[in-house]
Amino acid sequence: MDLFIIDGIAPFFRDNTQEVINWSKVPFVRLEKDDGLDPLRETQIRNDFKTFCRRAADTGYNAVTLDDLAHCCSFPFYSDRLQNKIVGYRRLYRYLFDTAAACGLKVFVTTDLLFFNEAIDRTIPSRDAALRRFAAHACRQLFEFFPDVAGIIFRVGEVDGVDVEGDFHSRIMIHRPSQARKMIETLLPVFEELDKLMIFRTWSVGVGRVGDMIWNPDTFDKVFRGLENEHLIISMKYGESDFFRFLPLNRLFFRGGHRKLIELQARREYEGFGEYPSFIGWDYEKIRDQLIGQNIAGISVWCQTGGWSGFRRLTWLDENADWNEINAYVTVRLFRDGITADQAIQLYYKTRWADHHWRPLQELLRLSDEVIKELLYIEDFASRHIFFRRLRVPPLVTVYWRHIIANHFMRKFMRCYVTDGRRVVRQGHEALEKIRRMQDLADRLGLPSEDLRFQYDTFEIISAVREYYFLEFNEAVIEKLETLKAAYEKKYAEPRYTVMLDFSRFKLRRIHLHMMLRILFRGAHGYRLVDRIVTLNVLSLFYPLLKRLSRKAVPDFASESAMGFDSIFR
C-alpha cells in the first residue's frame, strides 16, 4: 500500500448554522458573497486547512481529497460572473494545494460524472460522446492549471443531494455498464499522458443497470474487465452497502488484477457523527487481514464526509472531536504499519497521556464497539443478507442518520425478521449499563464524559423503541416513549436525534406484509425471475402509485435527503 488518503472538507463547514447539514459535499454557496468568495470565509478556510493538513500528516496520512472538479475549471461559454468567481476559487485552491504539499500530502480532486449548469446544457450536446469529451477536457484543464494535483476521484453512482445549491449541480449520466466503460476508456488516456491517477468509485445507490456495480461481479466485469492499468485504481467501500456494521467484506476486492482502494469511515455517519464513541478498529483489522495478498493500492478514509445531520464536530479542528480522531488514527496505523488495533490504541494513548496505563482506553473503546452492535443495531436483522432491486438493504433501518423511528409499520416490519424479541429487549437494557461504565472510564481519562451522557439518553430511547417493537402492545410503552422524548427534547437543544413517534395503525396484516417482503426482497445476490420481471422493471412503472400507498412506511426525510428515496426506483 502506498496511498493513505483523508478527506479534507472539514474547514469548509466552519460556522455552518443550518439545522440539517449535508456532509456529503462542500456547501459552496455558503462560501460566497457578492458574486465572489467571502474574504473572511476564505481566510478562515486557509487557516483551518493548514491546521488540518498538519494534523493529518502527523497522524500518518499522505494524501488529501478536496471537492471538486467543477469549481477548478472554467470554460469560455460560462458567464463573466461565473468565470470571475472561478478565478477566486482557483486562487483559494492554489493556496490549499500548496499547503497540502508543504505538509507532505498529495492532493486528489473529487467529481461526480457529470456536473452541469445552464451554460453547459446550452453548449454541450446531450449525447454520451460529447459529454465524455467535455469530461476529458475538464480533467486535462485541471491538470494543466494545477500540475501538482495527483489525480481525480470519480463518483458515477450517486449525485448531489436534493438540497444542494449553487452554480453547479451534478447529474447521473451513466446508467449502463457500457457507458461506464466508455467513460473510463475516454478519460484514461488523459491520465496516462499526464501521469496522473484515475480513481473510479464503484459506489452506487442502485440507479440504472450499472447500479449494482458495487456487488455484482457480472456488472463489475462488464465495466472493468481488461482495463488493468497502472493509472487506474478502483475504489470500493468495504462492504456491499454503505458504511455499516455487520457487512461481510466485499468479494469484488478479490476480482481482477486491478489496483483497488478501500473506502473506510472514521466519522461514522450512521453511528452518531462523532457525538459519542463508535470505535471501528477491530472490524477494520479483520478487513485488513482478509485482504492480505491482494493488489491494494491503499485506503481512503472519511473523517468528515457523509450523511445529513445537525451534528457539527470538525475533525482535527475542534477540541471535542476525540472519537473521530481516535478512529482516524487507529485506521491509518492498522493499514500503514500492519499492527493490531490494540497496538494502535496503545500508540494513540502515548500521544495524549504521559503514563502507560492504556487499558482503560482499550476497555472504553471495546465497550463502545459492543454498545453500537448490541443496541444501535438489531443483530437478528443486521446480520441477514437482504437485497432489494440492485441494492443491499442497509443493516440499520430503525435509526437512520439522526432519526429514531418508532411507528406501527416498522414494528410489523422488524417482527418479520426478529425471532426472539424478548432477547433483543434484554440485550438493549444490558447495553445501557455498559454506557454507564463508559462514563466512568471517560471521567478517569479526561475524555468528554458528557458525550456518554448524551449517548445514554439517546440510547435509552432506542432501547424503549425495542420494547415497542417486540413486547406485547400496551399503552404503558407508548407513554414511556412519549415521556422520554419530551424529556430528551427539553434537555438537549439542537443538534440532537429526531425521535419520530407515530402509533397510528398500519392496516396491512403482518402475515401479508411478510408475504410481500418475500416477493420484493431476496436473501442472496443473484436476481430471481420475479426480480427480473417485477422488481427491476414493472415496479418502476407503478412506483408513483406505490409511493402514495406507502407514505406511512417511508419517512419524509428519506425523500428530503441525499438524492431522495425515488432514486432507487430508476
Protein backbone atom coordinates (compact mmCIF):
# COMPACT_ATOMS: atom_id res chain seq x y z
CA MET A 1 0.00 0.00 0.00
CA ASP A 2 1.22 3.48 -0.76
CA LEU A 3 -1.89 5.70 -0.59
CA PHE A 4 -3.32 6.80 2.76
CA ILE A 5 -5.95 9.36 1.83
CA ILE A 6 -8.07 11.51 4.15
CA ASP A 7 -10.96 13.78 3.14
CA GLY A 8 -10.19 17.46 3.66
CA ILE A 9 -13.65 19.06 3.68
CA ALA A 10 -13.83 19.91 7.40
CA PRO A 11 -12.52 23.50 7.06
CA PHE A 12 -15.33 24.35 4.63
CA PHE A 13 -18.01 23.68 7.25
CA ARG A 14 -16.85 26.04 9.98
CA ASP A 15 -19.77 28.04 11.48
CA ASN A 16 -22.38 26.31 9.34
CA THR A 17 -25.62 27.15 11.14
CA GLN A 18 -28.02 25.02 9.10
CA GLU A 19 -30.34 22.86 11.18
CA VAL A 20 -29.52 19.89 8.92
CA ILE A 21 -26.12 19.89 7.19
CA ASN A 22 -25.37 17.93 4.05
CA TRP A 23 -21.95 16.47 4.91
CA SER A 24 -21.56 14.83 1.51
CA LYS A 25 -20.36 17.92 -0.35
CA VAL A 26 -18.76 21.28 0.36
CA PRO A 27 -21.53 23.93 0.71
CA PHE A 28 -20.01 26.19 -1.94
CA VAL A 29 -22.87 28.68 -1.95
CA ARG A 30 -22.16 29.44 1.73
CA LEU A 31 -18.56 30.39 0.94
CA GLU A 32 -19.59 33.15 -1.43
CA LYS A 33 -20.50 36.82 -1.20
CA ASP A 34 -21.33 39.40 -3.89
CA ASP A 35 -20.59 37.08 -6.84
CA GLY A 36 -17.24 36.07 -5.38
CA LEU A 37 -15.72 34.37 -2.37
CA ASP A 38 -16.32 35.87 1.06
CA PRO A 39 -12.87 37.18 2.14
CA LEU A 40 -13.49 36.27 5.79
CA ARG A 41 -14.53 32.73 4.89
CA GLU A 42 -11.55 32.37 2.56
CA THR A 43 -9.13 33.41 5.32
CA GLN A 44 -10.79 31.03 7.78
CA ILE A 45 -10.60 28.11 5.33
CA ARG A 46 -6.93 28.78 4.65
CA ASN A 47 -6.07 28.85 8.36
CA ASP A 48 -8.15 25.79 9.23
CA PHE A 49 -6.80 23.82 6.28
CA LYS A 50 -3.24 24.49 7.41
CA THR A 51 -4.09 23.05 10.83
CA PHE A 52 -5.96 20.13 9.30
CA CYS A 53 -3.12 19.15 6.95
CA ARG A 54 -0.53 19.32 9.72
CA ARG A 55 -2.63 17.08 11.98
CA ALA A 56 -3.42 14.65 9.14
CA ALA A 57 0.24 14.31 8.20
CA ASP A 58 1.29 13.87 11.84
CA THR A 59 -1.32 11.11 12.17
CA GLY A 60 0.16 9.22 9.21
CA TYR A 61 -1.81 10.19 6.10
CA ASN A 62 -0.02 11.12 2.89
CA ALA A 63 -2.86 12.42 0.69
CA VAL A 64 -5.97 14.58 0.97
CA THR A 65 -9.15 14.92 -1.11
CA LEU A 66 -10.98 18.15 -1.88
CA ASP A 67 -14.29 18.99 -3.58
CA ASP A 68 -14.49 19.47 -6.57
CA LEU A 69 -13.56 19.49 -10.26
CA ALA A 70 -16.36 21.84 -11.35
CA HIS A 71 -15.02 24.73 -9.27
CA CYS A 72 -11.47 24.30 -10.61
CA CYS A 73 -12.37 24.54 -14.31
CA SER A 74 -13.54 27.44 -16.45
CA PHE A 75 -14.91 27.49 -19.99
CA PRO A 76 -15.32 30.40 -22.43
CA PHE A 77 -19.07 29.81 -22.69
CA TYR A 78 -19.53 30.50 -18.95
CA SER A 79 -20.88 33.92 -17.99
CA ASP A 80 -18.41 36.62 -16.98
CA ARG A 81 -19.80 36.41 -13.44
CA LEU A 82 -19.07 32.67 -13.18
CA GLN A 83 -15.64 32.95 -14.81
CA ASN A 84 -14.68 35.65 -12.32
CA LYS A 85 -15.94 33.54 -9.45
CA ILE A 86 -13.86 30.58 -10.60
CA VAL A 87 -10.80 32.84 -10.66
CA GLY A 88 -11.41 33.29 -6.92
CA TYR A 89 -11.84 29.56 -6.36
CA ARG A 90 -8.65 28.82 -8.29
CA ARG A 91 -6.79 31.30 -6.12
CA LEU A 92 -8.09 29.56 -3.00
CA TYR A 93 -7.32 26.09 -4.34
CA ARG A 94 -3.79 27.15 -5.32
CA TYR A 95 -3.17 28.09 -1.70
CA LEU A 96 -4.76 24.89 -0.38
CA PHE A 97 -2.80 22.65 -2.76
CA ASP A 98 0.45 24.36 -1.78
CA THR A 99 -0.43 23.99 1.89
CA ALA A 100 -1.04 20.26 1.47
CA ALA A 101 2.24 19.84 -0.42
CA ALA A 102 4.16 21.66 2.33
CA CYS A 103 2.81 19.06 4.77
CA GLY A 104 3.83 16.17 2.52
CA LEU A 105 0.28 15.43 1.33
CA LYS A 106 -0.69 14.63 -2.25
CA VAL A 107 -3.94 16.19 -3.46
CA PHE A 108 -6.83 14.42 -5.17
CA VAL A 109 -9.84 16.33 -6.50
CA THR A 110 -13.31 14.77 -6.42
CA THR A 111 -16.05 14.97 -9.01
CA ASP A 112 -19.37 13.48 -9.97
CA LEU A 113 -19.90 12.33 -13.53
CA LEU A 114 -21.09 14.76 -14.53
CA PHE A 115 -21.54 18.34 -13.34
CA PHE A 116 -23.91 20.67 -15.19
CA ASN A 117 -25.28 24.20 -15.29
CA GLU A 118 -27.39 26.16 -17.77
CA ALA A 119 -24.36 27.14 -19.86
CA ILE A 120 -23.19 23.54 -20.16
CA ASP A 121 -26.70 22.41 -21.07
CA ARG A 122 -26.89 25.05 -23.81
CA THR A 123 -23.43 24.40 -25.25
CA ILE A 124 -22.58 20.71 -24.87
CA PRO A 125 -24.78 18.26 -26.79
CA SER A 126 -26.53 15.77 -24.52
CA ARG A 127 -25.07 12.85 -26.46
CA ASP A 128 -22.83 10.50 -24.46
CA ALA A 129 -19.80 11.01 -26.70
CA ALA A 130 -19.96 14.80 -26.38
CA LEU A 131 -20.31 14.62 -22.61
CA ARG A 132 -17.36 12.24 -22.39
CA ARG A 133 -15.22 14.66 -24.40
CA PHE A 134 -16.32 17.51 -22.13
CA ALA A 135 -15.35 15.48 -19.05
CA ALA A 136 -11.95 14.70 -20.57
CA HIS A 137 -11.44 18.39 -21.38
CA ALA A 138 -12.22 19.31 -17.78
CA CYS A 139 -9.73 16.74 -16.45
CA ARG A 140 -6.99 17.97 -18.77
CA GLN A 141 -7.67 21.58 -17.82
CA LEU A 142 -7.38 20.75 -14.11
CA PHE A 143 -4.00 19.05 -14.55
CA GLU A 144 -2.63 21.77 -16.81
CA PHE A 145 -3.68 24.55 -14.43
CA PHE A 146 -2.71 22.60 -11.27
CA PRO A 147 0.09 20.23 -12.35
CA ASP A 148 0.76 19.15 -8.76
CA VAL A 149 -2.69 17.53 -8.38
CA ALA A 150 -2.07 13.78 -8.17
CA GLY A 151 -5.39 12.62 -9.61
CA ILE A 152 -9.17 12.72 -9.66
CA ILE A 153 -11.69 10.60 -7.76
CA PHE A 154 -14.84 9.91 -9.80
CA ARG A 155 -18.31 9.13 -8.45
CA VAL A 156 -20.78 7.81 -11.02
CA GLY A 157 -23.48 6.06 -8.98
CA GLU A 158 -24.73 8.98 -6.90
CA VAL A 159 -25.01 12.73 -7.41
CA ASP A 160 -25.77 15.90 -5.45
CA GLY A 161 -28.37 15.77 -2.71
CA VAL A 162 -31.71 17.43 -3.37
CA ASP A 163 -30.66 20.29 -1.07
CA VAL A 164 -27.51 21.35 -2.96
CA GLU A 165 -27.47 24.96 -4.16
CA GLY A 166 -25.02 26.91 -6.30
CA ASP A 167 -23.60 27.28 -9.78
CA PHE A 168 -23.23 23.55 -10.46
CA HIS A 169 -25.40 20.51 -9.95
CA SER A 170 -24.30 17.00 -10.76
CA ARG A 171 -26.50 14.64 -12.72
CA ILE A 172 -26.27 10.91 -13.33
CA MET A 173 -25.37 10.34 -16.97
CA ILE A 174 -24.10 6.77 -16.64
CA HIS A 175 -26.91 4.21 -16.44
CA ARG A 176 -25.39 1.19 -18.18
CA PRO A 177 -22.11 -0.70 -17.73
CA SER A 178 -21.16 0.07 -21.34
CA GLN A 179 -21.44 3.81 -20.61
CA ALA A 180 -19.17 3.50 -17.58
CA ARG A 181 -16.61 1.54 -19.57
CA LYS A 182 -16.61 4.03 -22.44
CA MET A 183 -16.17 6.88 -19.97
CA ILE A 184 -13.10 5.19 -18.48
CA GLU A 185 -11.71 4.47 -21.94
CA THR A 186 -12.18 8.13 -22.91
CA LEU A 187 -10.66 9.61 -19.76
CA LEU A 188 -7.81 7.18 -19.10
CA PRO A 189 -5.54 8.41 -21.96
CA VAL A 190 -5.51 11.86 -20.34
CA PHE A 191 -4.28 10.34 -17.09
CA GLU A 192 -1.70 8.19 -18.86
CA GLU A 193 -0.35 11.12 -20.86
CA LEU A 194 -0.04 13.40 -17.83
CA ASP A 195 0.99 10.63 -15.39
CA LYS A 196 -1.98 11.07 -13.05
CA LEU A 197 -4.16 8.63 -11.11
CA MET A 198 -7.76 7.97 -12.10
CA ILE A 199 -9.67 6.66 -9.07
CA PHE A 200 -13.04 5.28 -10.13
CA ARG A 201 -15.57 4.52 -7.38
CA THR A 202 -17.98 1.58 -7.58
CA TRP A 203 -20.35 3.15 -5.03
CA SER A 204 -23.92 3.42 -6.27
CA VAL A 205 -27.41 3.88 -4.87
CA GLY A 206 -28.76 1.41 -7.40
CA VAL A 207 -29.60 3.71 -10.30
CA GLY A 208 -29.75 2.05 -13.72
CA ARG A 209 -28.27 -1.23 -14.88
CA VAL A 210 -24.87 -0.18 -13.60
CA GLY A 211 -26.38 0.42 -10.16
CA ASP A 212 -25.28 -2.96 -8.78
CA MET A 213 -21.62 -2.41 -9.72
CA ILE A 214 -20.75 -2.32 -6.02
CA TRP A 215 -21.51 -6.03 -5.52
CA ASN A 216 -22.43 -7.74 -8.81
CA PRO A 217 -19.42 -9.49 -10.41
CA ASP A 218 -21.12 -9.56 -13.82
CA THR A 219 -21.60 -5.78 -13.85
CA PHE A 220 -18.12 -5.28 -12.43
CA ASP A 221 -16.62 -7.34 -15.26
CA LYS A 222 -18.61 -5.50 -17.92
CA VAL A 223 -17.14 -2.23 -16.67
CA PHE A 224 -13.58 -3.17 -15.72
CA ARG A 225 -12.50 -6.42 -17.39
CA GLY A 226 -9.30 -5.89 -19.39
CA LEU A 227 -8.78 -2.35 -18.08
CA GLU A 228 -5.93 -3.17 -15.70
CA ASN A 229 -3.71 -0.10 -15.85
CA GLU A 230 -1.18 1.50 -13.50
CA HIS A 231 -3.04 4.80 -13.82
CA LEU A 232 -6.45 3.32 -12.88
CA ILE A 233 -7.48 2.47 -9.32
CA ILE A 234 -10.90 1.03 -8.46
CA SER A 235 -12.21 2.45 -5.18
CA MET A 236 -14.72 0.38 -3.18
CA LYS A 237 -16.45 0.62 0.17
CA TYR A 238 -15.50 -2.31 2.38
CA GLY A 239 -18.97 -3.86 2.27
CA GLU A 240 -21.76 -4.28 -0.27
CA SER A 241 -23.62 -1.25 1.08
CA ASP A 242 -22.74 2.00 2.86
CA PHE A 243 -20.59 2.39 5.98
CA PHE A 244 -22.48 -0.01 8.24
CA ARG A 245 -21.52 -2.84 10.61
CA PHE A 246 -22.44 -6.49 10.08
CA LEU A 247 -21.46 -6.37 6.41
CA PRO A 248 -19.21 -9.10 5.03
CA LEU A 249 -16.16 -7.94 3.10
CA ASN A 250 -17.00 -7.03 -0.49
CA ARG A 251 -15.83 -10.03 -2.54
CA LEU A 252 -15.06 -7.83 -5.55
CA PHE A 253 -11.78 -6.95 -3.84
CA PHE A 254 -10.68 -10.41 -4.96
CA ARG A 255 -11.83 -9.99 -8.56
CA GLY A 256 -9.49 -8.96 -11.37
CA GLY A 257 -5.93 -7.75 -11.19
CA HIS A 258 -6.76 -4.06 -10.90
CA ARG A 259 -5.31 -1.92 -8.15
CA LYS A 260 -8.00 -1.25 -5.55
CA LEU A 261 -8.59 1.33 -2.86
CA ILE A 262 -10.53 0.55 0.33
CA GLU A 263 -13.04 3.21 1.45
CA LEU A 264 -13.39 3.46 5.24
CA GLN A 265 -15.13 5.90 7.55
CA ALA A 266 -13.81 7.39 10.80
CA ARG A 267 -16.66 9.83 11.47
CA ARG A 268 -19.41 7.25 11.48
CA GLU A 269 -22.39 8.92 9.82
CA TYR A 270 -24.89 6.21 10.81
CA GLU A 271 -23.46 5.83 14.30
CA GLY A 272 -23.64 9.27 15.86
CA PHE A 273 -21.49 11.51 13.64
CA GLY A 274 -18.78 11.52 16.32
CA GLU A 275 -21.07 12.76 19.09
CA TYR A 276 -20.24 9.65 21.11
CA PRO A 277 -17.64 6.87 20.71
CA SER A 278 -18.20 4.40 17.89
CA PHE A 279 -14.88 2.61 17.67
CA ILE A 280 -14.30 0.65 14.48
CA GLY A 281 -10.72 -0.56 14.92
CA TRP A 282 -11.29 -4.27 15.44
CA ASP A 283 -13.64 -4.51 12.47
CA TYR A 284 -11.10 -2.76 10.25
CA GLU A 285 -8.34 -5.05 11.47
CA LYS A 286 -10.36 -8.05 10.27
CA ILE A 287 -10.93 -6.39 6.89
CA ARG A 288 -7.22 -5.71 6.51
CA ASP A 289 -6.27 -9.27 7.38
CA GLN A 290 -8.72 -10.71 4.85
CA LEU A 291 -7.11 -8.63 2.10
CA ILE A 292 -3.52 -9.73 2.65
CA GLY A 293 -2.01 -10.67 -0.71
CA GLN A 294 -4.45 -8.63 -2.79
CA ASN A 295 -3.45 -5.73 -5.05
CA ILE A 296 -4.48 -2.98 -2.63
CA ALA A 297 -3.25 0.49 -3.51
CA GLY A 298 -4.23 1.95 -0.15
CA ILE A 299 -7.11 3.36 1.87
CA SER A 300 -9.42 6.35 1.56
CA VAL A 301 -10.69 7.40 4.99
CA TRP A 302 -13.66 9.71 5.51
CA CYS A 303 -13.16 11.70 8.71
CA GLN A 304 -15.87 14.28 7.99
CA THR A 305 -17.75 13.37 4.81
CA GLY A 306 -21.12 11.67 4.69
CA GLY A 307 -24.68 11.95 5.92
CA TRP A 308 -27.27 14.57 6.83
CA SER A 309 -27.45 15.90 10.39
CA GLY A 310 -27.07 18.94 12.58
CA PHE A 311 -24.12 17.40 14.43
CA ARG A 312 -21.14 19.54 13.50
CA ARG A 313 -17.88 18.48 15.18
CA LEU A 314 -14.89 19.10 12.89
CA THR A 315 -12.13 16.51 12.92
CA TRP A 316 -8.72 17.94 13.94
CA LEU A 317 -10.24 21.43 14.17
CA ASP A 318 -12.45 21.17 17.28
CA GLU A 319 -11.39 20.27 20.79
CA ASN A 320 -14.30 17.85 21.20
CA ALA A 321 -13.75 15.66 18.09
CA ASP A 322 -11.93 12.94 20.05
CA TRP A 323 -13.96 9.98 18.83
CA ASN A 324 -13.46 10.81 15.14
CA GLU A 325 -9.76 11.40 15.70
CA ILE A 326 -9.23 8.11 17.53
CA ASN A 327 -10.84 6.24 14.63
CA ALA A 328 -8.79 8.18 12.07
CA TYR A 329 -5.56 7.47 13.95
CA VAL A 330 -6.17 3.78 14.51
CA THR A 331 -7.36 3.21 10.93
CA VAL A 332 -4.23 4.57 9.26
CA ARG A 333 -1.94 2.78 11.71
CA LEU A 334 -3.68 -0.53 11.02
CA PHE A 335 -3.18 -0.33 7.26
CA ARG A 336 0.08 1.62 7.08
CA ASP A 337 2.02 -0.09 9.85
CA GLY A 338 0.39 -3.53 9.88
CA ILE A 339 -0.11 -3.50 13.65
CA THR A 340 -3.14 -4.70 15.60
CA ALA A 341 -5.98 -2.47 16.77
CA ASP A 342 -4.85 -2.94 20.38
CA GLN A 343 -1.32 -1.84 19.49
CA ALA A 344 -2.73 1.19 17.67
CA ILE A 345 -4.80 2.11 20.73
CA GLN A 346 -1.69 1.86 22.87
CA LEU A 347 0.24 4.13 20.47
CA TYR A 348 -2.60 6.66 20.44
CA TYR A 349 -2.63 6.65 24.23
CA LYS A 350 1.06 7.60 24.27
CA THR A 351 0.33 10.64 22.09
CA ARG A 352 -2.04 12.10 24.74
CA TRP A 353 -1.15 10.74 28.16
CA ALA A 354 2.19 10.68 29.96
CA ASP A 355 1.63 7.41 31.82
CA HIS A 356 1.48 3.86 30.45
CA HIS A 357 -1.96 2.86 31.74
CA TRP A 358 -3.73 2.49 28.42
CA ARG A 359 -6.06 -0.37 29.35
CA PRO A 360 -8.95 1.89 30.48
CA LEU A 361 -8.99 3.46 27.00
CA GLN A 362 -8.98 -0.01 25.46
CA GLU A 363 -11.92 -1.02 27.67
CA LEU A 364 -13.88 2.13 26.82
CA LEU A 365 -13.41 1.53 23.11
CA ARG A 366 -14.27 -2.16 23.43
CA LEU A 367 -17.49 -1.29 25.23
CA SER A 368 -18.32 1.35 22.61
CA ASP A 369 -17.98 -1.27 19.89
CA GLU A 370 -20.28 -3.63 21.80
CA VAL A 371 -22.91 -0.99 22.55
CA ILE A 372 -23.16 0.03 18.90
CA LYS A 373 -23.57 -3.58 17.77
CA GLU A 374 -25.91 -4.60 20.58
CA LEU A 375 -28.24 -1.61 20.85
CA LEU A 376 -27.96 0.71 17.85
CA TYR A 377 -28.17 -2.29 15.50
CA ILE A 378 -30.55 -5.22 15.91
CA GLU A 379 -28.30 -8.16 15.11
CA ASP A 380 -31.09 -10.54 14.05
CA PHE A 381 -31.92 -8.12 11.25
CA ALA A 382 -28.48 -6.62 10.58
CA SER A 383 -26.77 -9.97 10.04
CA ARG A 384 -29.23 -11.08 7.35
CA HIS A 385 -28.38 -10.76 3.66
CA ILE A 386 -31.33 -8.82 2.24
CA PHE A 387 -31.40 -7.37 -1.28
CA PHE A 388 -34.00 -5.16 -2.92
CA ARG A 389 -33.67 -4.43 -6.63
CA ARG A 390 -29.98 -3.52 -7.14
CA LEU A 391 -29.27 -2.63 -3.51
CA ARG A 392 -28.19 -4.48 -0.41
CA VAL A 393 -30.75 -3.36 2.21
CA PRO A 394 -28.94 -1.42 4.99
CA PRO A 395 -28.35 -3.40 8.20
CA LEU A 396 -29.58 -0.38 10.15
CA VAL A 397 -33.07 0.95 9.37
CA THR A 398 -34.67 1.73 12.73
CA VAL A 399 -32.16 4.52 13.43
CA TYR A 400 -31.05 6.34 10.28
CA TRP A 401 -28.65 9.26 10.33
CA ARG A 402 -30.20 11.45 13.07
CA HIS A 403 -33.65 9.83 13.10
CA ILE A 404 -35.02 7.31 15.61
CA ILE A 405 -38.05 5.67 14.04
CA ALA A 406 -40.93 4.18 16.03
CA ASN A 407 -44.08 3.53 14.05
CA HIS A 408 -46.50 0.71 13.51
CA PHE A 409 -45.12 -0.22 10.11
CA MET A 410 -41.58 -0.58 11.48
CA ARG A 411 -42.94 -2.65 14.38
CA LYS A 412 -44.51 -5.11 11.94
CA PHE A 413 -41.50 -4.99 9.63
CA MET A 414 -38.96 -5.86 12.33
CA ARG A 415 -41.17 -8.66 13.68
CA CYS A 416 -40.91 -10.30 10.26
CA TYR A 417 -37.16 -10.75 10.79
CA VAL A 418 -36.50 -10.95 14.55
CA THR A 419 -37.18 -14.37 16.04
CA ASP A 420 -36.60 -13.67 19.74
CA GLY A 421 -37.80 -10.15 20.52
CA ARG A 422 -37.53 -10.53 24.30
CA ARG A 423 -33.84 -11.39 23.99
CA VAL A 424 -33.32 -8.27 21.86
CA VAL A 425 -35.02 -6.13 24.52
CA ARG A 426 -32.86 -7.64 27.30
CA GLN A 427 -29.73 -7.06 25.22
CA GLY A 428 -30.67 -3.40 24.90
CA HIS A 429 -31.07 -2.99 28.65
CA GLU A 430 -27.67 -4.61 29.25
CA ALA A 431 -26.03 -2.31 26.70
CA LEU A 432 -27.29 0.74 28.60
CA GLU A 433 -25.36 -0.45 31.65
CA LYS A 434 -22.23 -0.62 29.51
CA ILE A 435 -22.66 3.07 28.70
CA ARG A 436 -22.67 3.78 32.44
CA ARG A 437 -19.30 2.04 32.69
CA MET A 438 -18.04 4.03 29.69
CA GLN A 439 -18.95 7.26 31.51
CA ASP A 440 -16.75 6.27 34.46
CA LEU A 441 -13.86 5.39 32.16
CA ALA A 442 -14.18 8.66 30.24
CA ASP A 443 -14.07 10.63 33.52
CA ARG A 444 -10.88 8.81 34.54
CA LEU A 445 -9.25 9.52 31.17
CA GLY A 446 -10.30 13.14 30.92
CA LEU A 447 -12.32 12.40 27.79
CA PRO A 448 -15.69 14.16 27.31
CA SER A 449 -17.95 12.13 29.60
CA GLU A 450 -20.85 14.44 28.69
CA ASP A 451 -20.82 12.67 25.32
CA LEU A 452 -21.58 9.43 27.12
CA ARG A 453 -24.46 11.06 29.00
CA PHE A 454 -25.87 12.19 25.66
CA GLN A 455 -25.38 8.69 24.29
CA TYR A 456 -27.12 7.15 27.30
CA ASP A 457 -30.15 9.43 26.98
CA THR A 458 -30.34 8.77 23.23
CA PHE A 459 -29.88 5.02 23.53
CA GLU A 460 -32.40 4.85 26.38
CA ILE A 461 -35.00 5.94 23.82
CA ILE A 462 -33.71 3.39 21.30
CA SER A 463 -34.00 0.70 23.98
CA ALA A 464 -37.59 1.77 24.72
CA VAL A 465 -38.36 1.62 20.99
CA ARG A 466 -37.27 -2.04 21.09
CA GLU A 467 -39.87 -2.63 23.78
CA TYR A 468 -42.50 -1.15 21.49
CA TYR A 469 -41.32 -3.30 18.59
CA PHE A 470 -41.04 -6.65 20.31
CA LEU A 471 -43.14 -6.77 23.51
CA GLU A 472 -46.91 -7.02 23.70
CA PHE A 473 -48.54 -3.77 22.70
CA ASN A 474 -49.70 -1.66 25.66
CA GLU A 475 -50.30 1.98 26.48
CA ALA A 476 -47.51 1.99 29.09
CA VAL A 477 -44.82 1.59 26.41
CA ILE A 478 -46.30 4.43 24.38
CA GLU A 479 -46.47 6.64 27.46
CA LYS A 480 -42.85 5.75 28.27
CA LEU A 481 -41.67 6.72 24.79
CA GLU A 482 -43.58 9.99 24.79
CA THR A 483 -42.20 10.88 28.24
CA LEU A 484 -38.64 10.04 27.22
CA LYS A 485 -38.98 12.07 24.03
CA ALA A 486 -40.30 15.13 25.87
CA ALA A 487 -37.51 14.97 28.46
CA TYR A 488 -34.87 14.46 25.77
CA GLU A 489 -36.03 17.44 23.71
CA LYS A 490 -36.15 19.61 26.81
CA LYS A 491 -32.66 18.55 27.94
CA TYR A 492 -30.92 18.85 24.55
CA ALA A 493 -31.27 21.74 22.18
CA GLU A 494 -30.40 21.11 18.55
CA PRO A 495 -28.39 19.28 17.40
CA ARG A 496 -29.86 16.04 18.68
CA TYR A 497 -31.60 12.99 17.32
CA THR A 498 -35.13 13.44 15.99
CA VAL A 499 -37.47 10.97 17.68
CA MET A 500 -40.21 10.06 15.20
CA LEU A 501 -43.21 8.56 17.02
CA ASP A 502 -46.31 7.56 15.09
CA PHE A 503 -48.54 4.95 16.68
CA SER A 504 -51.34 5.10 14.14
CA ARG A 505 -52.28 1.72 12.70
CA PHE A 506 -50.61 0.31 9.61
CA LYS A 507 -53.56 -1.69 8.35
CA LEU A 508 -51.77 -4.39 6.37
CA ARG A 509 -51.62 -7.55 8.45
CA ARG A 510 -48.16 -8.83 9.34
CA ILE A 511 -48.68 -12.14 7.55
CA HIS A 512 -49.49 -10.25 4.35
CA LEU A 513 -46.57 -7.86 4.86
CA HIS A 514 -44.31 -10.87 5.29
CA MET A 515 -45.57 -12.33 2.01
CA MET A 516 -44.92 -9.02 0.22
CA LEU A 517 -41.41 -8.82 1.64
CA ARG A 518 -40.63 -12.33 0.45
CA ILE A 519 -41.61 -11.25 -3.07
CA LEU A 520 -39.83 -7.89 -3.04
CA PHE A 521 -36.74 -8.81 -1.00
CA ARG A 522 -34.34 -11.67 -1.67
CA GLY A 523 -31.74 -13.28 0.55
CA ALA A 524 -28.92 -13.63 -1.98
CA HIS A 525 -27.07 -11.62 -4.61
CA GLY A 526 -28.46 -13.26 -7.72
CA TYR A 527 -31.63 -11.96 -9.33
CA ARG A 528 -34.65 -14.26 -9.26
CA LEU A 529 -37.15 -14.46 -12.08
CA VAL A 530 -39.53 -12.30 -10.05
CA ASP A 531 -36.81 -9.67 -9.77
CA ARG A 532 -36.15 -9.56 -13.49
CA ILE A 533 -39.85 -9.27 -14.29
CA VAL A 534 -41.32 -7.37 -11.35
CA THR A 535 -38.93 -5.56 -9.01
CA LEU A 536 -36.45 -4.37 -11.65
CA ASN A 537 -38.99 -3.41 -14.29
CA VAL A 538 -42.71 -3.44 -13.52
CA LEU A 539 -42.19 -1.94 -10.06
CA SER A 540 -40.60 1.17 -11.58
CA LEU A 541 -43.71 1.78 -13.67
CA PHE A 542 -46.03 1.50 -10.69
CA TYR A 543 -43.80 3.34 -8.21
CA PRO A 544 -45.90 6.58 -8.19
CA LEU A 545 -48.90 4.54 -7.04
CA LEU A 546 -46.85 2.58 -4.50
CA LYS A 547 -45.43 5.83 -3.15
CA ARG A 548 -48.92 7.08 -2.30
CA LEU A 549 -49.82 3.78 -0.66
CA SER A 550 -46.60 3.58 1.38
CA ARG A 551 -46.49 7.01 2.97
CA LYS A 552 -46.52 5.56 6.47
CA ALA A 553 -43.67 3.19 5.60
CA VAL A 554 -41.30 5.79 4.09
CA PRO A 555 -40.46 8.75 6.37
CA ASP A 556 -40.35 12.23 4.83
CA PHE A 557 -36.60 12.60 5.44
CA ALA A 558 -35.94 9.75 3.01
CA SER A 559 -37.21 11.94 0.19
CA GLU A 560 -35.70 15.17 1.50
CA SER A 561 -32.10 13.99 1.95
CA ALA A 562 -29.47 12.62 -0.44
CA MET A 563 -30.90 12.01 -3.94
CA GLY A 564 -34.29 11.20 -2.49
CA PHE A 565 -35.92 7.81 -1.98
CA ASP A 566 -37.31 7.87 -5.54
CA SER A 567 -33.81 7.40 -6.98
CA ILE A 568 -33.62 3.70 -6.10
CA PHE A 569 -36.56 3.02 -8.46
CA ARG A 570 -34.84 4.50 -11.52
